[in-house]
């Protein structure tokens, strides 16, 4: 009878606050650039007209860029991060968002819930974000609400 080895358990290494902030900034860069481009289109259009009002074409282009910004954010935060555990920023920095229970990616529906819960991080005077500095597993308020944790790969 062969000897059986004891079950090995993986102890996760929780991602530090700095890496999480850097990943968030990387994730925000694309949508932010699209919004800034939309604002530039409006400014450029209005600055060439005597009444300082943008043209309808500029407004439509800006609205399209704003919509594209939202789609970019949804794609990255929900459709990519949900199934894989990694948004663009998290992949670059080598960290992964997983469920606490089984350390597996959370899936798109739960990622959408976490994205909504992240608004509470800011609505609590940023205390929800800062919770990651004192929590032993470095979790924000949103992470607590949807039972997730960010770990290093």
C-alpha atoms as a PDB file:
ATOM      1  CA  UNK A   1       0.000   0.000   0.000  1.00  0.00           C
ATOM      2  CA  UNK A   2       1.575   3.318  -1.073  1.00  0.00           C
ATOM      3  CA  UNK A   3       2.066   6.028   1.482  1.00  0.00           C
ATOM      4  CA  UNK A   4      -0.276   8.925   1.108  1.00  0.00           C
ATOM      5  CA  UNK A   5       0.918  12.438   1.557  1.00  0.00           C
ATOM      6  CA  UNK A   6      -1.007  14.813   3.743  1.00  0.00           C
ATOM      7  CA  UNK A   7      -3.211  17.255   1.896  1.00  0.00           C
ATOM      8  CA  UNK A   8      -1.321  20.377   1.008  1.00  0.00           C
ATOM      9  CA  UNK A   9      -3.026  23.662   1.583  1.00  0.00           C
ATOM     10  CA  UNK A  10      -2.048  26.801  -0.206  1.00  0.00           C
ATOM     11  CA  UNK A  11      -1.630  29.792   2.037  1.00  0.00           C
ATOM     12  CA  UNK A  12      -2.372  32.881  -0.016  1.00  0.00           C
ATOM     13  CA  UNK A  13      -0.054  35.869  -0.045  1.00  0.00           C
ATOM     14  CA  UNK A  14      -2.239  38.938   0.125  1.00  0.00           C
ATOM     15  CA  UNK A  15      -1.457  41.772  -2.248  1.00  0.00           C
ATOM     16  CA  UNK A  16      -0.103  44.907  -0.647  1.00  0.00           C
ATOM     17  CA  UNK A  17      -1.887  48.251  -0.640  1.00  0.00           C
ATOM     18  CA  UNK A  18       0.633  49.858  -3.004  1.00  0.00           C
ATOM     19  CA  UNK A  19       0.237  47.180  -5.674  1.00  0.00           C
ATOM     20  CA  UNK A  20      -3.537  47.426  -5.414  1.00  0.00           C
ATOM     21  CA  UNK A  21      -3.460  51.211  -5.812  1.00  0.00           C
ATOM     22  CA  UNK A  22      -1.090  50.941  -8.780  1.00  0.00           C
ATOM     23  CA  UNK A  23      -3.371  48.345 -10.435  1.00  0.00           C
ATOM     24  CA  UNK A  24      -6.374  50.607  -9.905  1.00  0.00           C
ATOM     25  CA  UNK A  25      -4.527  53.527 -11.499  1.00  0.00           C
ATOM     26  CA  UNK A  26      -3.580  51.386 -14.502  1.00  0.00           C
ATOM     27  CA  UNK A  27      -7.180  50.213 -14.835  1.00  0.00           C
ATOM     28  CA  UNK A  28      -8.434  53.803 -14.731  1.00  0.00           C
ATOM     29  CA  UNK A  29      -5.965  55.088 -17.338  1.00  0.00           C
ATOM     30  CA  UNK A  30      -7.843  53.896 -20.449  1.00  0.00           C
ATOM     31  CA  UNK A  31     -11.303  55.143 -19.495  1.00  0.00           C
ATOM     32  CA  UNK A  32      -9.820  58.388 -18.173  1.00  0.00           C
ATOM     33  CA  UNK A  33      -7.974  59.037 -21.431  1.00  0.00           C
ATOM     34  CA  UNK A  34     -11.208  58.556 -23.372  1.00  0.00           C
ATOM     35  CA  UNK A  35     -13.031  61.033 -21.107  1.00  0.00           C
ATOM     36  CA  UNK A  36     -10.205  63.559 -21.479  1.00  0.00           C
ATOM     37  CA  UNK A  37     -10.322  63.117 -25.243  1.00  0.00           C
ATOM     38  CA  UNK A  38     -14.086  63.748 -25.179  1.00  0.00           C
ATOM     39  CA  UNK A  39     -13.526  66.915 -23.154  1.00  0.00           C
ATOM     40  CA  UNK A  40     -10.841  68.039 -25.596  1.00  0.00           C
ATOM     41  CA  UNK A  41     -13.207  67.548 -28.549  1.00  0.00           C
ATOM     42  CA  UNK A  42     -15.823  69.710 -26.824  1.00  0.00           C
ATOM     43  CA  UNK A  43     -13.282  72.387 -25.948  1.00  0.00           C
ATOM     44  CA  UNK A  44     -11.821  72.442 -29.442  1.00  0.00           C
ATOM     45  CA  UNK A  45     -15.241  72.755 -31.019  1.00  0.00           C
ATOM     46  CA  UNK A  46     -16.386  75.523 -28.666  1.00  0.00           C
ATOM     47  CA  UNK A  47     -13.170  77.510 -28.919  1.00  0.00           C
ATOM     48  CA  UNK A  48     -13.628  77.988 -32.685  1.00  0.00           C
ATOM     49  CA  UNK A  49     -17.153  79.370 -32.459  1.00  0.00           C
ATOM     50  CA  UNK A  50     -18.216  82.876 -31.503  1.00  0.00           C
ATOM     51  CA  UNK A  51     -20.909  81.712 -29.054  1.00  0.00           C
ATOM     52  CA  UNK A  52     -18.505  79.342 -27.236  1.00  0.00           C
ATOM     53  CA  UNK A  53     -20.882  76.421 -27.665  1.00  0.00           C
ATOM     54  CA  UNK A  54     -19.691  73.086 -29.085  1.00  0.00           C
ATOM     55  CA  UNK A  55     -21.187  71.850 -32.323  1.00  0.00           C
ATOM     56  CA  UNK A  56     -23.702  69.033 -32.343  1.00  0.00           C
ATOM     57  CA  UNK A  57     -21.115  66.820 -34.049  1.00  0.00           C
ATOM     58  CA  UNK A  58     -18.646  67.499 -31.226  1.00  0.00           C
ATOM     59  CA  UNK A  59     -21.302  66.675 -28.635  1.00  0.00           C
ATOM     60  CA  UNK A  60     -22.081  63.394 -30.416  1.00  0.00           C
ATOM     61  CA  UNK A  61     -18.393  62.482 -30.664  1.00  0.00           C
ATOM     62  CA  UNK A  62     -17.879  63.312 -26.984  1.00  0.00           C
ATOM     63  CA  UNK A  63     -20.926  61.246 -26.004  1.00  0.00           C
ATOM     64  CA  UNK A  64     -19.588  58.331 -28.043  1.00  0.00           C
ATOM     65  CA  UNK A  65     -16.206  58.599 -26.368  1.00  0.00           C
ATOM     66  CA  UNK A  66     -17.892  58.735 -22.962  1.00  0.00           C
ATOM     67  CA  UNK A  67     -19.900  55.626 -23.784  1.00  0.00           C
ATOM     68  CA  UNK A  68     -16.761  53.894 -25.021  1.00  0.00           C
ATOM     69  CA  UNK A  69     -15.093  54.815 -21.735  1.00  0.00           C
ATOM     70  CA  UNK A  70     -17.876  53.104 -19.770  1.00  0.00           C
ATOM     71  CA  UNK A  71     -17.719  50.030 -22.036  1.00  0.00           C
ATOM     72  CA  UNK A  72     -13.944  49.857 -21.590  1.00  0.00           C
ATOM     73  CA  UNK A  73     -14.356  49.939 -17.814  1.00  0.00           C
ATOM     74  CA  UNK A  74     -17.130  47.282 -17.823  1.00  0.00           C
ATOM     75  CA  UNK A  75     -15.099  45.036 -20.130  1.00  0.00           C
ATOM     76  CA  UNK A  76     -11.986  45.278 -17.941  1.00  0.00           C
ATOM     77  CA  UNK A  77     -13.595  45.171 -14.476  1.00  0.00           C
ATOM     78  CA  UNK A  78     -16.413  42.692 -15.088  1.00  0.00           C
ATOM     79  CA  UNK A  79     -16.006  40.694 -18.300  1.00  0.00           C
ATOM     80  CA  UNK A  80     -12.242  40.147 -17.984  1.00  0.00           C
ATOM     81  CA  UNK A  81     -11.597  40.314 -14.237  1.00  0.00           C
ATOM     82  CA  UNK A  82     -14.649  38.246 -13.297  1.00  0.00           C
ATOM     83  CA  UNK A  83     -13.704  35.011 -15.088  1.00  0.00           C
ATOM     84  CA  UNK A  84      -9.904  35.387 -14.827  1.00  0.00           C
ATOM     85  CA  UNK A  85      -9.442  37.251 -11.547  1.00  0.00           C
ATOM     86  CA  UNK A  86      -7.235  39.790 -13.280  1.00  0.00           C
ATOM     87  CA  UNK A  87      -8.033  43.157 -14.782  1.00  0.00           C
ATOM     88  CA  UNK A  88      -5.415  44.787 -17.006  1.00  0.00           C
ATOM     89  CA  UNK A  89      -3.776  46.526 -14.046  1.00  0.00           C
ATOM     90  CA  UNK A  90      -3.831  43.433 -11.851  1.00  0.00           C
ATOM     91  CA  UNK A  91      -2.268  41.327 -14.626  1.00  0.00           C
ATOM     92  CA  UNK A  92       0.557  43.842 -15.094  1.00  0.00           C
ATOM     93  CA  UNK A  93       1.273  43.877 -11.354  1.00  0.00           C
ATOM     94  CA  UNK A  94       0.906  40.139 -10.823  1.00  0.00           C
ATOM     95  CA  UNK A  95      -2.082  40.161  -8.477  1.00  0.00           C
ATOM     96  CA  UNK A  96      -5.406  38.321  -8.705  1.00  0.00           C
ATOM     97  CA  UNK A  97      -8.896  38.899  -7.293  1.00  0.00           C
ATOM     98  CA  UNK A  98     -10.388  35.664  -5.901  1.00  0.00           C
ATOM     99  CA  UNK A  99     -13.179  34.390  -3.662  1.00  0.00           C
ATOM    100  CA  UNK A 100     -12.089  33.872  -0.055  1.00  0.00           C
ATOM    101  CA  UNK A 101     -13.785  30.454   0.164  1.00  0.00           C
ATOM    102  CA  UNK A 102     -11.864  28.661  -2.578  1.00  0.00           C
ATOM    103  CA  UNK A 103      -9.342  31.167  -3.991  1.00  0.00           C
ATOM    104  CA  UNK A 104     -10.960  30.930  -7.443  1.00  0.00           C
ATOM    105  CA  UNK A 105     -11.946  33.818  -9.736  1.00  0.00           C
ATOM    106  CA  UNK A 106     -15.309  35.250  -8.769  1.00  0.00           C
ATOM    107  CA  UNK A 107     -17.131  35.286 -12.107  1.00  0.00           C
ATOM    108  CA  UNK A 108     -18.757  38.182 -13.948  1.00  0.00           C
ATOM    109  CA  UNK A 109     -21.935  38.562 -11.823  1.00  0.00           C
ATOM    110  CA  UNK A 110     -20.009  38.758  -8.566  1.00  0.00           C
ATOM    111  CA  UNK A 111     -17.431  41.060 -10.186  1.00  0.00           C
ATOM    112  CA  UNK A 112     -20.304  43.377 -11.141  1.00  0.00           C
ATOM    113  CA  UNK A 113     -21.531  43.304  -7.542  1.00  0.00           C
ATOM    114  CA  UNK A 114     -18.044  44.134  -6.309  1.00  0.00           C
ATOM    115  CA  UNK A 115     -17.770  47.005  -8.777  1.00  0.00           C
ATOM    116  CA  UNK A 116     -21.014  48.447  -7.399  1.00  0.00           C
ATOM    117  CA  UNK A 117     -19.874  47.828  -3.828  1.00  0.00           C
ATOM    118  CA  UNK A 118     -16.683  49.768  -4.536  1.00  0.00           C
ATOM    119  CA  UNK A 119     -18.783  52.924  -4.656  1.00  0.00           C
ATOM    120  CA  UNK A 120     -19.271  52.437  -0.921  1.00  0.00           C
ATOM    121  CA  UNK A 121     -15.497  52.524  -0.493  1.00  0.00           C
ATOM    122  CA  UNK A 122     -15.602  56.140  -1.613  1.00  0.00           C
ATOM    123  CA  UNK A 123     -18.950  57.083  -0.079  1.00  0.00           C
ATOM    124  CA  UNK A 124     -17.582  56.252   3.370  1.00  0.00           C
ATOM    125  CA  UNK A 125     -15.163  59.195   3.067  1.00  0.00           C
ATOM    126  CA  UNK A 126     -12.592  56.821   1.547  1.00  0.00           C
ATOM    127  CA  UNK A 127     -12.530  54.711   4.710  1.00  0.00           C
ATOM    128  CA  UNK A 128     -13.652  51.704   2.673  1.00  0.00           C
ATOM    129  CA  UNK A 129     -10.460  51.908   0.614  1.00  0.00           C
ATOM    130  CA  UNK A 130      -8.279  52.588   3.635  1.00  0.00           C
ATOM    131  CA  UNK A 131      -9.626  49.491   5.386  1.00  0.00           C
ATOM    132  CA  UNK A 132      -7.080  47.548   3.323  1.00  0.00           C
ATOM    133  CA  UNK A 133      -4.319  49.186   5.337  1.00  0.00           C
ATOM    134  CA  UNK A 134      -5.478  47.697   8.645  1.00  0.00           C
ATOM    135  CA  UNK A 135      -7.252  44.494   7.608  1.00  0.00           C
ATOM    136  CA  UNK A 136      -5.117  41.344   8.111  1.00  0.00           C
ATOM    137  CA  UNK A 137      -6.111  40.107   4.634  1.00  0.00           C
ATOM    138  CA  UNK A 138      -5.797  43.629   3.173  1.00  0.00           C
ATOM    139  CA  UNK A 139      -9.453  43.781   2.137  1.00  0.00           C
ATOM    140  CA  UNK A 140     -11.490  46.882   1.362  1.00  0.00           C
ATOM    141  CA  UNK A 141     -15.111  47.341   2.392  1.00  0.00           C
ATOM    142  CA  UNK A 142     -16.202  46.090  -1.054  1.00  0.00           C
ATOM    143  CA  UNK A 143     -14.053  42.974  -0.608  1.00  0.00           C
ATOM    144  CA  UNK A 144     -15.773  42.283   2.710  1.00  0.00           C
ATOM    145  CA  UNK A 145     -19.223  42.720   1.171  1.00  0.00           C
ATOM    146  CA  UNK A 146     -18.650  40.222  -1.655  1.00  0.00           C
ATOM    147  CA  UNK A 147     -16.177  38.023   0.257  1.00  0.00           C
ATOM    148  CA  UNK A 148     -13.163  38.484  -2.002  1.00  0.00           C
ATOM    149  CA  UNK A 149      -9.454  38.983  -1.484  1.00  0.00           C
ATOM    150  CA  UNK A 150      -6.598  40.099  -3.747  1.00  0.00           C
ATOM    151  CA  UNK A 151      -3.598  37.769  -3.746  1.00  0.00           C
ATOM    152  CA  UNK A 152      -0.250  37.686  -5.484  1.00  0.00           C
ATOM    153  CA  UNK A 153       0.295  35.113  -8.207  1.00  0.00           C
END
